[in-house]
């Protein structure tokens, strides 16, 4: 059974409450349940933290024995050299996901420390971006 972990960064625990005009009205926990129902033959796990070091620790933990990581580092995407370095250091493929189109937002969101080390990037597709990332791991 393939193992895929979704890692969400800061403020993504507020999905469904935070800026629904940008992020929608669904909690991530509800969406994650729909993903586990859709992919019963996949060992799918979810981790969220508002703490940079915990995200790095989780990347280290799963980054050598999982079949894929879906990473939405939130605002750390644009500030964390450490998370970018962690993605570069691990062996597991990482797909970077952003719910909103970061290029249609503030200029500081146009730069990612994750992207140069990710295997792919999905931006601006809403929550379906997570599903698309998971599907990319299943094609192999």
Protein backbone atom coordinates (compact mmCIF):
# COMPACT_ATOMS: atom_id res chain seq x y z
CA UNK A 1 0.00 0.00 0.00
CA UNK A 2 1.37 3.41 -0.97
CA UNK A 3 1.91 5.93 1.82
CA UNK A 4 1.24 9.63 1.26
CA UNK A 5 1.33 12.35 3.90
CA UNK A 6 -0.24 15.79 3.62
CA UNK A 7 1.61 18.46 5.60
CA UNK A 8 -0.07 21.82 6.13
CA UNK A 9 1.61 24.86 7.60
CA UNK A 10 0.51 27.90 9.56
CA UNK A 11 -3.08 29.05 9.71
CA UNK A 12 -4.37 26.17 7.58
CA UNK A 13 -5.99 24.83 10.74
CA UNK A 14 -8.40 27.76 10.28
CA UNK A 15 -9.75 26.61 6.91
CA UNK A 16 -13.51 27.02 6.89
CA UNK A 17 -13.22 30.09 9.14
CA UNK A 18 -10.33 32.12 7.71
CA UNK A 19 -11.02 34.29 4.66
CA UNK A 20 -13.61 31.98 3.07
CA UNK A 21 -13.62 34.17 -0.05
CA UNK A 22 -10.04 33.00 -0.66
CA UNK A 23 -9.91 29.57 1.02
CA UNK A 24 -13.53 28.38 0.91
CA UNK A 25 -15.87 27.34 3.69
CA UNK A 26 -14.79 23.73 4.22
CA UNK A 27 -12.54 22.65 7.07
CA UNK A 28 -9.48 20.67 6.08
CA UNK A 29 -10.54 17.83 8.38
CA UNK A 30 -13.79 17.47 6.39
CA UNK A 31 -11.91 17.58 3.11
CA UNK A 32 -9.33 15.08 4.38
CA UNK A 33 -12.13 12.66 5.26
CA UNK A 34 -13.39 12.86 1.69
CA UNK A 35 -9.87 12.08 0.45
CA UNK A 36 -9.55 9.03 2.71
CA UNK A 37 -12.93 7.82 1.42
CA UNK A 38 -11.86 8.39 -2.19
CA UNK A 39 -8.54 6.55 -1.77
CA UNK A 40 -9.23 3.53 0.47
CA UNK A 41 -6.22 1.65 -0.93
CA UNK A 42 -3.84 4.43 0.07
CA UNK A 43 -2.29 4.94 3.50
CA UNK A 44 -3.08 8.63 3.73
CA UNK A 45 -2.07 10.71 6.74
CA UNK A 46 -2.37 14.37 7.65
CA UNK A 47 -0.24 16.68 9.77
CA UNK A 48 -0.69 20.39 10.44
CA UNK A 49 1.46 22.74 12.47
CA UNK A 50 1.87 26.45 12.97
CA UNK A 51 5.46 25.82 14.08
CA UNK A 52 8.25 25.79 11.48
CA UNK A 53 10.46 23.28 13.31
CA UNK A 54 7.61 20.79 13.65
CA UNK A 55 7.04 20.91 9.89
CA UNK A 56 10.74 20.28 9.30
CA UNK A 57 10.69 17.39 11.79
CA UNK A 58 7.69 15.83 10.01
CA UNK A 59 9.43 16.13 6.63
CA UNK A 60 12.46 14.35 8.12
CA UNK A 61 10.24 11.69 9.70
CA UNK A 62 8.32 10.70 6.55
CA UNK A 63 10.77 11.84 3.90
CA UNK A 64 12.63 8.57 3.48
CA UNK A 65 9.93 5.89 3.58
CA UNK A 66 6.76 7.40 2.10
CA UNK A 67 5.71 7.38 -1.54
CA UNK A 68 4.76 11.04 -1.56
CA UNK A 69 4.35 14.22 0.44
CA UNK A 70 1.83 16.93 -0.34
CA UNK A 71 3.17 20.12 1.26
CA UNK A 72 1.33 23.38 1.75
CA UNK A 73 3.81 25.28 3.89
CA UNK A 74 1.48 28.29 4.04
CA UNK A 75 3.30 31.55 4.75
CA UNK A 76 6.49 29.60 5.52
CA UNK A 77 6.70 28.95 1.78
CA UNK A 78 7.88 32.51 1.35
CA UNK A 79 10.11 32.80 4.42
CA UNK A 80 11.56 29.44 5.45
CA UNK A 81 14.92 28.50 4.05
CA UNK A 82 14.82 25.65 6.58
CA UNK A 83 11.70 24.05 5.10
CA UNK A 84 13.15 24.45 1.60
CA UNK A 85 16.36 22.77 2.76
CA UNK A 86 14.40 19.95 4.40
CA UNK A 87 12.54 19.25 1.15
CA UNK A 88 15.89 19.17 -0.66
CA UNK A 89 17.40 16.81 1.94
CA UNK A 90 14.75 14.07 1.83
CA UNK A 91 14.26 11.33 -0.76
CA UNK A 92 10.44 11.25 -0.94
CA UNK A 93 8.87 13.23 -3.78
CA UNK A 94 7.16 16.45 -2.66
CA UNK A 95 4.35 18.25 -4.45
CA UNK A 96 3.93 21.85 -3.28
CA UNK A 97 0.28 22.90 -3.10
CA UNK A 98 -1.34 26.29 -2.57
CA UNK A 99 -5.09 26.71 -2.35
CA UNK A 100 -5.05 30.27 -3.69
CA UNK A 101 -3.20 31.64 -6.69
CA UNK A 102 -0.23 33.13 -4.88
CA UNK A 103 0.73 35.10 -8.01
CA UNK A 104 -2.58 36.98 -7.87
CA UNK A 105 -1.86 38.06 -4.31
CA UNK A 106 0.74 40.21 -2.54
CA UNK A 107 4.19 40.39 -4.12
CA UNK A 108 5.94 38.69 -1.20
CA UNK A 109 3.91 35.54 -1.96
CA UNK A 110 5.47 35.28 -5.43
CA UNK A 111 8.66 33.70 -4.07
CA UNK A 112 8.90 30.15 -2.73
CA UNK A 113 11.78 28.51 -0.91
CA UNK A 114 10.02 25.16 -1.46
CA UNK A 115 9.48 25.27 -5.24
CA UNK A 116 13.11 24.79 -6.37
CA UNK A 117 13.23 21.53 -4.42
CA UNK A 118 9.69 20.24 -5.10
CA UNK A 119 8.87 17.67 -7.75
CA UNK A 120 5.83 19.68 -8.81
CA UNK A 121 3.67 22.66 -7.89
CA UNK A 122 -0.12 23.06 -7.90
CA UNK A 123 -1.33 26.60 -7.32
CA UNK A 124 -4.73 28.24 -7.25
CA UNK A 125 -6.96 25.20 -7.77
CA UNK A 126 -8.57 25.36 -4.34
CA UNK A 127 -8.68 22.23 -2.20
CA UNK A 128 -8.76 20.03 -5.31
CA UNK A 129 -5.03 20.76 -5.58
CA UNK A 130 -4.44 18.22 -2.81
CA UNK A 131 -6.37 15.59 -4.75
CA UNK A 132 -4.39 16.35 -7.91
CA UNK A 133 -1.13 15.99 -5.98
CA UNK A 134 -2.21 12.63 -4.56
CA UNK A 135 -3.18 11.42 -8.03
CA UNK A 136 0.29 12.32 -9.27
CA UNK A 137 1.80 9.84 -6.79
CA UNK A 138 -0.58 7.07 -7.88
CA UNK A 139 0.45 7.17 -11.53
CA UNK A 140 3.79 5.50 -10.79
